[in-house]
Structure formats: C-alpha cells, structure tokens
Amino acid sequence: SSSSSSTTTTTIAATSNESFIPDEETKYRIFIDGTLGGGGHSLCLLRNLSPGDILLGCDVDPSALATASVRLREYIIDDTSTDQDEMGKEQRVDKPIFIPIQSNFRDLEGKVKELRHPVTGELLLYSSVDESFLGVDGILLDLGVSSHQINNAERGFAFMKDGPLDMRMWGGKWDNQAKEYQKNDPNAKSFNDFVKGMNGDTNSGGLTAADICNEFTEEEITRILKVYGDEPRARKIAQAIVDARPLSTTGDLKEAVAKVTPEFAKKGRRMGRTATLARVFQALRIVVNEEDKVLYDALENMAPALIRNGGRLVVLSYHSMEDRATKRVMRDGRVDASNVIRDNSINIMYDMYGNDVMTDDGANGKPWKVLGKKQKASDEEIEKNPRARSATLRVAEKM
C-alpha cells in the first residue's frame, strides 16, 4: 500500500463500510486487500469493519507479509493454538479478523477458495447450508510499490539508495521482522512459527533488473522504457545502459542514466533526472514482475470470479497503462479490443460496430457497473504524501 493517505484511505474505508447486506448464511462480510504491502490500507479497513468480519491480506513478498502481520497481529487468530485455547479464540471474535496469505493477487482465486474460518473451521466462501459459492464483498488493489519495499535498499526498487539491481517483488525475507518482534513480545514464538509457515513459497529465482540491463538488446530495452515508462529519451537511455555494461547495482544504473539526462531540464520537471530515473526504475520493475500480465489476469479473471453480485472492486493505479486497463475492464469487462472474451466468469460478444450483443438471458455480460468518476489526490494529500501525486482511484460494483 504505497499511498495510504487521507483521501484514499477514507474513500476505501467508506467503500468497505457501505451498506453491504451480508448473506444470512454467512453472518459476516469478507474483504480482500490484494496488495497488502505495509498493511496501511488493511489497518484502515479493519478499524471500520464490524466484529466477526474478515479481511484477507495478500502479498507475494514474504517480508511485506511478515511486517504487516506484526502490525495487524491484534486481529489475527493464531490457528497453531491447541484445543485448550478454543475459548480464547471465541473471545477474539469481538473484533474483525485478519488472515494473511502469501500469493500473487492473480492467483488469489485458488488460494482463497481453500481457506477455512479460523474459529469454526468451515470453508470461508461457501454456504454451510447447500455448499454454494458465496464470494467476497470487496477487493482492494493498490498497484504502487509499498514504502516497505522502496525504503529497503537491498531490494533494488529505489534509486535514492545504492543496492543490488534486483526489483523482484518476492525476493524479501521475513526473518528480520520476526526477530525484532520477538524482542518485544514474550508470546512471539508461536506467532513467528505462524508467519514462517506462511512463507514456505519463497522463490529466489526469476528475472532481475540486472538481467534486463545486461542481457537484453538495446532495441528491447528501448521498447520497455517506452511502453512501461512513457520515457521520452528511451533510445538514448537504452544505449547508455548497453554502453555501461556490466551493471550490478542501482548506483550503476543511476550513473548510466545520468550520462544522457540533465539534472534539471528547461522543458520542465518531467524531463529532469529525478523524474526520468523514476520512469526507468518503474519500467524495469513492471517487466521483472510481469505486472501487466498479473494485472490483466486479476482484473479479467480473479476479481469477477471472487466478488459477489453487489460487491465492490477498488483499484489505485499509478501508471497510465494500469489506469487504462482498469478503466477498460470496469467499463467493458475486458482489457484488449478483441471481439470475444470467453472465460468462466465473462462472455461478451461485440458486433462489427463495437456494440455489445445481448446474451440469451437478456444481459449484456458486462460484470461491472462503474461507481462515480475517477478520483485524484488533493493538493493537501500530495503535500503530506508526494507518492500520491500520480495515484488514480476507481471503484466498480459487480453486476
């Protein structure tokens, strides 16, 4: 959650606190924070939910997951406890429940459908009466990089600090946070075991930003900077990166970009070195983590499959590509311009003029109804949190 701030968190809290009418069979509402980060949005949501409501916090980064779990531990029911603790579990349901999940949000559908209630043991998303699928009441996706990741030089996400040229979202460790927590809490051992158990899926492999800088062709790097960074000097910077090989640190990349970018530009701040570096790092990060494919999968497949009719999808985006995809899916149910999308949850047909064709039951197949206009951060909010400057908030309701 990279921009937990007054407007965004208030809007999200209001969205979660709207008059959702829980199914009588569930008696509680279920929400998903699909991009947990440092837990800022989740904390805001939990403070606005009712006792017994459930928030599932998802992050692919084990370090972020552990940090947020420590921050939100008062809402976690430790399922490693013994039968003697069952009374304690029951007493804990006097507040909302937080359940952390390590997963990329594109894969949430399979993970969430297997989850059981930490107190009753029943499947969370299925009716206890007829075992029908109930769905969740809302999903939040904050597509920015969390402060937790940016502030850690070892992750390679930021150019302000020198570190390995990495940028893999899943590359973090949980150990430091767990050790720090254990110093201050005598009951930390079981909680640490709980967090460690969640993070068995840590993967140290995969493409890194250094791989792109050192192995991709100049043409391919140019394309990456244009498409994912909207970078005006894409070709010059790509050539500078190739000329500077081998690059192994964020400092190496920063130095290469500096050779073809003035510190301050006459044409405005956008052409200056700091803004240019932000675009270059963003473009590499998106490719390393396949963020475009992950987002398309999540918007077109995961979200409509999990959110019940009347539930909400809330998306905070920071890049034109992300916002364009979000806008299209909320409006049309799809990202691309193909005539047909066939999926278990979406089946939309278009005629030669681009008009949607009604299905046999008279519906047009669109899964979302857009709620209100897009929202941008206020000047006051940007002053408190400069990273909110590029944030765009969109909300839709499942049809």
Foldseek 3Di string as FASTA:
>chain_A
DAALFDPVLVVVLCQLLPPDDDDPQQPEAEEEAQDCFQNSSVVSNQVSGAQAHEYEYEFQALQRLLNNCLVVVLQEDQLVDDPVCLVVVVVSSRGYHYHYANDNLLPVVVVQQPDADSRPRHRNQAGPPPRHGRFHQEYEYEPDHHPVQQVDQQCCLHLVDKYWQFLARHQHDNVVVLVVSVVPDVPSPSVSVSSVVNNPPRDNDFDGLQCCLAPPDLVVQLVLLCPQQVAPCSSQLSVLSNVQPNDTMSNSSLVSLCVPAAQDDPVDDCRHSVVNSNSSSRSSSCVRHVVLVSLQSCLQPVVLVRHHAFHKYKYKDQGPSNVLQNVCCQVPSHRDQDQFDDDPQATWGADPVGDTDADPVRHRRRFKDWDDDKDADDPVSCVVPVSSRRIIMTMIGTD
